[in-house]
Amino acid sequence: LNNQYGEALAAAGLVLSGVSHDEALVEVVELPEHPWFMGCQFHPEFTSNPRDGHPLFASYITAALQYAGGSE
């Protein structure tokens, strides 16, 4: 995410919650008003395997199951 848009996106309600090591790029954004919204510019799947998935995937699946069951 281009940091030039950071203020405008934050004003629109996005939380800029993760940055690159050199703080040059925003790499994670969240939308607190949404039941589960997260955007990332990194690759969490690279740290996953079939027995031990990345916490982002587990969280997404949990939220989807809750939504499907009507308990959002």
PDB file of N, CA and C in Angstrom:
ATOM      1  N   LEU A   1       0.849  -1.170   0.000  1.00  0.00           N
ATOM      2  CA  LEU A   1       0.000   0.000   0.000  1.00  0.00           C
ATOM      3  C   LEU A   1       0.888   1.225   0.000  1.00  0.00           C
ATOM      4  N   ASN A   2       0.634   2.115  -0.872  1.00  0.00           N
ATOM      5  CA  ASN A   2       1.393   3.352  -0.950  1.00  0.00           C
ATOM      6  C   ASN A   2       1.091   4.207   0.273  1.00  0.00           C
ATOM      7  N   ASN A   3       2.120   4.580   0.999  1.00  0.00           N
ATOM      8  CA  ASN A   3       1.938   5.369   2.216  1.00  0.00           C
ATOM      9  C   ASN A   3       1.297   6.723   1.961  1.00  0.00           C
ATOM     10  N   GLN A   4       1.308   7.202   0.731  1.00  0.00           N
ATOM     11  CA  GLN A   4       0.666   8.475   0.416  1.00  0.00           C
ATOM     12  C   GLN A   4      -0.836   8.426   0.693  1.00  0.00           C
ATOM     13  N   TYR A   5      -1.417   7.252   0.682  1.00  0.00           N
ATOM     14  CA  TYR A   5      -2.850   7.113   0.901  1.00  0.00           C
ATOM     15  C   TYR A   5      -3.198   6.792   2.350  1.00  0.00           C
ATOM     16  N   GLY A   6      -2.210   6.670   3.200  1.00  0.00           N
ATOM     17  CA  GLY A   6      -2.426   6.264   4.582  1.00  0.00           C
ATOM     18  C   GLY A   6      -3.422   7.116   5.338  1.00  0.00           C
ATOM     19  N   GLU A   7      -3.257   8.419   5.298  1.00  0.00           N
ATOM     20  CA  GLU A   7      -4.162   9.304   6.042  1.00  0.00           C
ATOM     21  C   GLU A   7      -5.590   9.200   5.527  1.00  0.00           C
ATOM     22  N   ALA A   8      -5.762   9.177   4.216  1.00  0.00           N
ATOM     23  CA  ALA A   8      -7.106   9.095   3.640  1.00  0.00           C
ATOM     24  C   ALA A   8      -7.772   7.769   3.995  1.00  0.00           C
ATOM     25  N   LEU A   9      -7.021   6.685   3.950  1.00  0.00           N
ATOM     26  CA  LEU A   9      -7.592   5.383   4.283  1.00  0.00           C
ATOM     27  C   LEU A   9      -7.933   5.291   5.764  1.00  0.00           C
ATOM     28  N   ALA A  10      -7.077   5.831   6.612  1.00  0.00           N
ATOM     29  CA  ALA A  10      -7.362   5.847   8.048  1.00  0.00           C
ATOM     30  C   ALA A  10      -8.596   6.698   8.327  1.00  0.00           C
ATOM     31  N   ALA A  11      -8.735   7.816   7.643  1.00  0.00           N
ATOM     32  CA  ALA A  11      -9.909   8.672   7.824  1.00  0.00           C
ATOM     33  C   ALA A  11     -11.183   7.965   7.379  1.00  0.00           C
ATOM     34  N   ALA A  12     -11.064   7.034   6.428  1.00  0.00           N
ATOM     35  CA  ALA A  12     -12.216   6.279   5.937  1.00  0.00           C
ATOM     36  C   ALA A  12     -12.538   5.075   6.817  1.00  0.00           C
ATOM     37  N   GLY A  13     -11.724   4.836   7.859  1.00  0.00           N
ATOM     38  CA  GLY A  13     -12.032   3.764   8.790  1.00  0.00           C
ATOM     39  C   GLY A  13     -11.102   2.573   8.771  1.00  0.00           C
ATOM     40  N   LEU A  14     -10.170   2.522   7.836  1.00  0.00           N
ATOM     41  CA  LEU A  14      -9.216   1.411   7.817  1.00  0.00           C
ATOM     42  C   LEU A  14      -8.167   1.605   8.905  1.00  0.00           C
ATOM     43  N   VAL A  15      -7.782   0.515   9.534  1.00  0.00           N
ATOM     44  CA  VAL A  15      -6.686   0.534  10.495  1.00  0.00           C
ATOM     45  C   VAL A  15      -5.456   0.008   9.768  1.00  0.00           C
ATOM     46  N   LEU A  16      -4.423   0.814   9.729  1.00  0.00           N
ATOM     47  CA  LEU A  16      -3.169   0.416   9.096  1.00  0.00           C
ATOM     48  C   LEU A  16      -2.348  -0.279  10.173  1.00  0.00           C
ATOM     49  N   SER A  17      -2.425  -1.609  10.213  1.00  0.00           N
ATOM     50  CA  SER A  17      -1.942  -2.345  11.379  1.00  0.00           C
ATOM     51  C   SER A  17      -0.612  -3.060  11.205  1.00  0.00           C
ATOM     52  N   GLY A  18      -0.020  -3.011  10.032  1.00  0.00           N
ATOM     53  CA  GLY A  18       1.276  -3.652   9.845  1.00  0.00           C
ATOM     54  C   GLY A  18       2.072  -2.947   8.770  1.00  0.00           C
ATOM     55  N   VAL A  19       3.356  -2.760   9.028  1.00  0.00           N
ATOM     56  CA  VAL A  19       4.228  -2.100   8.057  1.00  0.00           C
ATOM     57  C   VAL A  19       5.440  -2.983   7.774  1.00  0.00           C
ATOM     58  N   SER A  20       6.116  -2.695   6.681  1.00  0.00           N
ATOM     59  CA  SER A  20       7.331  -3.423   6.328  1.00  0.00           C
ATOM     60  C   SER A  20       8.428  -3.129   7.349  1.00  0.00           C
ATOM     61  N   HIS A  21       9.471  -3.951   7.348  1.00  0.00           N
ATOM     62  CA  HIS A  21      10.571  -3.782   8.305  1.00  0.00           C
ATOM     63  C   HIS A  21      11.174  -2.386   8.238  1.00  0.00           C
ATOM     64  N   ASP A  22      11.267  -1.833   7.042  1.00  0.00           N
ATOM     65  CA  ASP A  22      11.843  -0.494   6.905  1.00  0.00           C
ATOM     66  C   ASP A  22      10.790   0.607   7.030  1.00  0.00           C
ATOM     67  N   GLU A  23       9.548   0.210   7.328  1.00  0.00           N
ATOM     68  CA  GLU A  23       8.410   1.119   7.501  1.00  0.00           C
ATOM     69  C   GLU A  23       8.105   1.932   6.243  1.00  0.00           C
ATOM     70  N   ALA A  24       8.524   1.432   5.086  1.00  0.00           N
ATOM     71  CA  ALA A  24       8.285   2.133   3.832  1.00  0.00           C
ATOM     72  C   ALA A  24       6.907   1.836   3.254  1.00  0.00           C
ATOM     73  N   LEU A  25       6.336   0.672   3.599  1.00  0.00           N
ATOM     74  CA  LEU A  25       5.043   0.274   3.047  1.00  0.00           C
ATOM     75  C   LEU A  25       4.114  -0.227   4.142  1.00  0.00           C
ATOM     76  N   VAL A  26       2.842   0.103   3.999  1.00  0.00           N
ATOM     77  CA  VAL A  26       1.824  -0.508   4.850  1.00  0.00           C
ATOM     78  C   VAL A  26       1.551  -1.877   4.255  1.00  0.00           C
ATOM     79  N   GLU A  27       1.634  -2.918   5.076  1.00  0.00           N
ATOM     80  CA  GLU A  27       1.463  -4.275   4.562  1.00  0.00           C
ATOM     81  C   GLU A  27       0.234  -4.982   5.101  1.00  0.00           C
ATOM     82  N   VAL A  28      -0.409  -4.419   6.129  1.00  0.00           N
ATOM     83  CA  VAL A  28      -1.612  -5.033   6.688  1.00  0.00           C
ATOM     84  C   VAL A  28      -2.620  -3.931   6.993  1.00  0.00           C
ATOM     85  N   VAL A  29      -3.856  -4.130   6.541  1.00  0.00           N
ATOM     86  CA  VAL A  29      -4.947  -3.212   6.866  1.00  0.00           C
ATOM     87  C   VAL A  29      -6.122  -4.017   7.407  1.00  0.00           C
ATOM     88  N   GLU A  30      -6.878  -3.393   8.287  1.00  0.00           N
ATOM     89  CA  GLU A  30      -8.062  -4.025   8.865  1.00  0.00           C
ATOM     90  C   GLU A  30      -9.216  -3.030   8.839  1.00  0.00           C
ATOM     91  N   LEU A  31     -10.416  -3.548   8.839  1.00  0.00           N
ATOM     92  CA  LEU A  31     -11.622  -2.733   8.881  1.00  0.00           C
ATOM     93  C   LEU A  31     -12.428  -3.167  10.099  1.00  0.00           C
ATOM     94  N   PRO A  32     -12.277  -2.459  11.225  1.00  0.00           N
ATOM     95  CA  PRO A  32     -12.883  -2.901  12.482  1.00  0.00           C
ATOM     96  C   PRO A  32     -14.406  -3.029  12.453  1.00  0.00           C
ATOM     97  N   GLU A  33     -15.080  -2.278  11.612  1.00  0.00           N
ATOM     98  CA  GLU A  33     -16.541  -2.325  11.561  1.00  0.00           C
ATOM     99  C   GLU A  33     -17.064  -3.571  10.852  1.00  0.00           C
ATOM    100  N   HIS A  34     -16.197  -4.311  10.208  1.00  0.00           N
ATOM    101  CA  HIS A  34     -16.586  -5.507   9.460  1.00  0.00           C
ATOM    102  C   HIS A  34     -16.335  -6.741  10.329  1.00  0.00           C
ATOM    103  N   PRO A  35     -17.175  -7.774  10.228  1.00  0.00           N
ATOM    104  CA  PRO A  35     -16.964  -8.982  11.043  1.00  0.00           C
ATOM    105  C   PRO A  35     -15.593  -9.629  10.834  1.00  0.00           C
ATOM    106  N   TRP A  36     -15.095  -9.603   9.610  1.00  0.00           N
ATOM    107  CA  TRP A  36     -13.746 -10.135   9.351  1.00  0.00           C
ATOM    108  C   TRP A  36     -13.258  -9.532   8.047  1.00  0.00           C
ATOM    109  N   PHE A  37     -12.431  -8.530   8.172  1.00  0.00           N
ATOM    110  CA  PHE A  37     -11.829  -7.921   6.984  1.00  0.00           C
ATOM    111  C   PHE A  37     -10.373  -7.666   7.289  1.00  0.00           C
ATOM    112  N   MET A  38      -9.524  -8.191   6.449  1.00  0.00           N
ATOM    113  CA  MET A  38      -8.099  -7.981   6.611  1.00  0.00           C
ATOM    114  C   MET A  38      -7.449  -8.096   5.255  1.00  0.00           C
ATOM    115  N   GLY A  39      -6.597  -7.166   4.948  1.00  0.00           N
ATOM    116  CA  GLY A  39      -5.840  -7.233   3.713  1.00  0.00           C
ATOM    117  C   GLY A  39      -4.362  -7.279   4.037  1.00  0.00           C
ATOM    118  N   CYS A  40      -3.635  -8.117   3.321  1.00  0.00           N
ATOM    119  CA  CYS A  40      -2.197  -8.192   3.589  1.00  0.00           C
ATOM    120  C   CYS A  40      -1.428  -8.235   2.276  1.00  0.00           C
ATOM    121  N   GLN A  41      -0.237  -7.700   2.342  1.00  0.00           N
ATOM    122  CA  GLN A  41       0.630  -7.646   1.175  1.00  0.00           C
ATOM    123  C   GLN A  41       1.773  -8.653   1.299  1.00  0.00           C
ATOM    124  N   PHE A  42       1.722  -9.477   2.305  1.00  0.00           N
ATOM    125  CA  PHE A  42       2.730 -10.521   2.465  1.00  0.00           C
ATOM    126  C   PHE A  42       2.075 -11.863   2.153  1.00  0.00           C
ATOM    127  N   HIS A  43       2.781 -12.949   2.310  1.00  0.00           N
ATOM    128  CA  HIS A  43       2.283 -14.271   1.926  1.00  0.00           C
ATOM    129  C   HIS A  43       2.210 -15.204   3.126  1.00  0.00           C
ATOM    130  N   PRO A  44       1.104 -15.171   3.883  1.00  0.00           N
ATOM    131  CA  PRO A  44       0.995 -16.054   5.043  1.00  0.00           C
ATOM    132  C   PRO A  44       0.985 -17.535   4.664  1.00  0.00           C
ATOM    133  N   GLU A  45       0.605 -17.842   3.434  1.00  0.00           N
ATOM    134  CA  GLU A  45       0.570 -19.252   3.023  1.00  0.00           C
ATOM    135  C   GLU A  45       1.969 -19.864   2.980  1.00  0.00           C
ATOM    136  N   PHE A  46       2.992 -19.038   2.896  1.00  0.00           N
ATOM    137  CA  PHE A  46       4.357 -19.567   2.867  1.00  0.00           C
ATOM    138  C   PHE A  46       4.792 -20.122   4.217  1.00  0.00           C
ATOM    139  N   THR A  47       4.074 -19.791   5.276  1.00  0.00           N
ATOM    140  CA  THR A  47       4.422 -20.311   6.607  1.00  0.00           C
ATOM    141  C   THR A  47       3.421 -21.361   7.068  1.00  0.00           C
ATOM    142  N   SER A  48       2.576 -21.825   6.171  1.00  0.00           N
ATOM    143  CA  SER A  48       1.559 -22.822   6.502  1.00  0.00           C
ATOM    144  C   SER A  48       1.953 -24.195   5.990  1.00  0.00           C
ATOM    145  N   ASN A  49       1.342 -25.201   6.584  1.00  0.00           N
ATOM    146  CA  ASN A  49       1.417 -26.551   6.051  1.00  0.00           C
ATOM    147  C   ASN A  49       0.078 -27.213   6.369  1.00  0.00           C
ATOM    148  N   PRO A  50      -0.212 -28.380   5.809  1.00  0.00           N
ATOM    149  CA  PRO A  50      -1.536 -28.987   6.011  1.00  0.00           C
ATOM    150  C   PRO A  50      -1.914 -29.228   7.470  1.00  0.00           C
ATOM    151  N   ARG A  51      -0.943 -29.430   8.329  1.00  0.00           N
ATOM    152  CA  ARG A  51      -1.256 -29.690   9.738  1.00  0.00           C
ATOM    153  C   ARG A  51      -1.244 -28.441  10.600  1.00  0.00           C
ATOM    154  N   ASP A  52      -0.583 -27.409  10.131  1.00  0.00           N
ATOM    155  CA  ASP A  52      -0.423 -26.208  10.942  1.00  0.00           C
ATOM    156  C   ASP A  52      -0.595 -24.983  10.055  1.00  0.00           C
ATOM    157  N   GLY A  53      -1.851 -24.590   9.853  1.00  0.00           N
ATOM    158  CA  GLY A  53      -2.130 -23.446   9.002  1.00  0.00           C
ATOM    159  C   GLY A  53      -1.798 -22.134   9.689  1.00  0.00           C
ATOM    160  N   HIS A  54      -1.634 -21.107   8.900  1.00  0.00           N
ATOM    161  CA  HIS A  54      -1.367 -19.778   9.445  1.00  0.00           C
ATOM    162  C   HIS A  54      -2.598 -19.305  10.228  1.00  0.00           C
ATOM    163  N   PRO A  55      -2.430 -18.603  11.336  1.00  0.00           N
ATOM    164  CA  PRO A  55      -3.570 -18.122  12.130  1.00  0.00           C
ATOM    165  C   PRO A  55      -4.569 -17.278  11.336  1.00  0.00           C
ATOM    166  N   LEU A  56      -4.122 -16.584  10.299  1.00  0.00           N
ATOM    167  CA  LEU A  56      -5.066 -15.814   9.477  1.00  0.00           C
ATOM    168  C   LEU A  56      -6.093 -16.718   8.822  1.00  0.00           C
ATOM    169  N   PHE A  57      -5.641 -17.863   8.309  1.00  0.00           N
ATOM    170  CA  PHE A  57      -6.561 -18.785   7.655  1.00  0.00           C
ATOM    171  C   PHE A  57      -7.539 -19.385   8.658  1.00  0.00           C
ATOM    172  N   ALA A  58      -7.041 -19.765   9.815  1.00  0.00           N
ATOM    173  CA  ALA A  58      -7.913 -20.330  10.854  1.00  0.00           C
ATOM    174  C   ALA A  58      -8.951 -19.307  11.294  1.00  0.00           C
ATOM    175  N   SER A  59      -8.543 -18.066  11.459  1.00  0.00           N
ATOM    176  CA  SER A  59      -9.464 -17.006  11.861  1.00  0.00           C
ATOM    177  C   SER A  59     -10.535 -16.767  10.797  1.00  0.00           C
ATOM    178  N   TYR A  60     -10.122 -16.770   9.536  1.00  0.00           N
ATOM    179  CA  TYR A  60     -11.071 -16.569   8.445  1.00  0.00           C
ATOM    180  C   TYR A  60     -12.096 -17.703   8.389  1.00  0.00           C
ATOM    181  N   ILE A  61     -11.637 -18.925   8.510  1.00  0.00           N
ATOM    182  CA  ILE A  61     -12.549 -20.075   8.477  1.00  0.00           C
ATOM    183  C   ILE A  61     -13.519 -20.022   9.646  1.00  0.00           C
ATOM    184  N   THR A  62     -13.032 -19.686  10.827  1.00  0.00           N
ATOM    185  CA  THR A  62     -13.903 -19.556  12.000  1.00  0.00           C
ATOM    186  C   THR A  62     -14.968 -18.496  11.766  1.00  0.00           C
ATOM    187  N   ALA A  63     -14.575 -17.342  11.245  1.00  0.00           N
ATOM    188  CA  ALA A  63     -15.532 -16.269  10.972  1.00  0.00           C
ATOM    189  C   ALA A  63     -16.554 -16.692   9.919  1.00  0.00           C
ATOM    190  N   ALA A  64     -16.112 -17.404   8.883  1.00  0.00           N
ATOM    191  CA  ALA A  64     -17.029 -17.862   7.838  1.00  0.00           C
ATOM    192  C   ALA A  64     -18.035 -18.864   8.389  1.00  0.00           C
ATOM    193  N   LEU A  65     -17.574 -19.769   9.238  1.00  0.00           N
ATOM    194  CA  LEU A  65     -18.488 -20.743   9.840  1.00  0.00           C
ATOM    195  C   LEU A  65     -19.498 -20.062  10.752  1.00  0.00           C
ATOM    196  N   GLN A  66     -19.055 -19.074  11.514  1.00  0.00           N
ATOM    197  CA  GLN A  66     -19.978 -18.329  12.375  1.00  0.00           C
ATOM    198  C   GLN A  66     -21.007 -17.594  11.531  1.00  0.00           C
ATOM    199  N   TYR A  67     -20.562 -16.986  10.439  1.00  0.00           N
ATOM    200  CA  TYR A  67     -21.468 -16.265   9.556  1.00  0.00           C
ATOM    201  C   TYR A  67     -22.479 -17.219   8.925  1.00  0.00           C
ATOM    202  N   ALA A  68     -22.023 -18.365   8.477  1.00  0.00           N
ATOM    203  CA  ALA A  68     -22.912 -19.349   7.850  1.00  0.00           C
ATOM    204  C   ALA A  68     -23.939 -19.879   8.839  1.00  0.00           C
ATOM    205  N   GLY A  69     -23.544 -19.954  10.111  1.00  0.00           N
ATOM    206  CA  GLY A  69     -24.454 -20.438  11.137  1.00  0.00           C
ATOM    207  C   GLY A  69     -25.342 -19.359  11.720  1.00  0.00           C
ATOM    208  N   GLY A  70     -25.150 -18.130  11.275  1.00  0.00           N
ATOM    209  CA  GLY A  70     -25.978 -17.035  11.759  1.00  0.00           C
ATOM    210  C   GLY A  70     -25.577 -16.499  13.116  1.00  0.00           C
ATOM    211  N   SER A  71     -24.385 -16.833  13.585  1.00  0.00           N
ATOM    212  CA  SER A  71     -23.973 -16.348  14.902  1.00  0.00           C
ATOM    213  C   SER A  71     -22.884 -15.295  14.792  1.00  0.00           C
ATOM    214  N   GLU A  72     -23.018 -14.422  13.787  1.00  0.00           N
ATOM    215  CA  GLU A  72     -22.004 -13.381  13.593  1.00  0.00           C
ATOM    216  C   GLU A  72     -22.053 -12.325  14.665  1.00  0.00           C
TER     217      GLU A  72
END
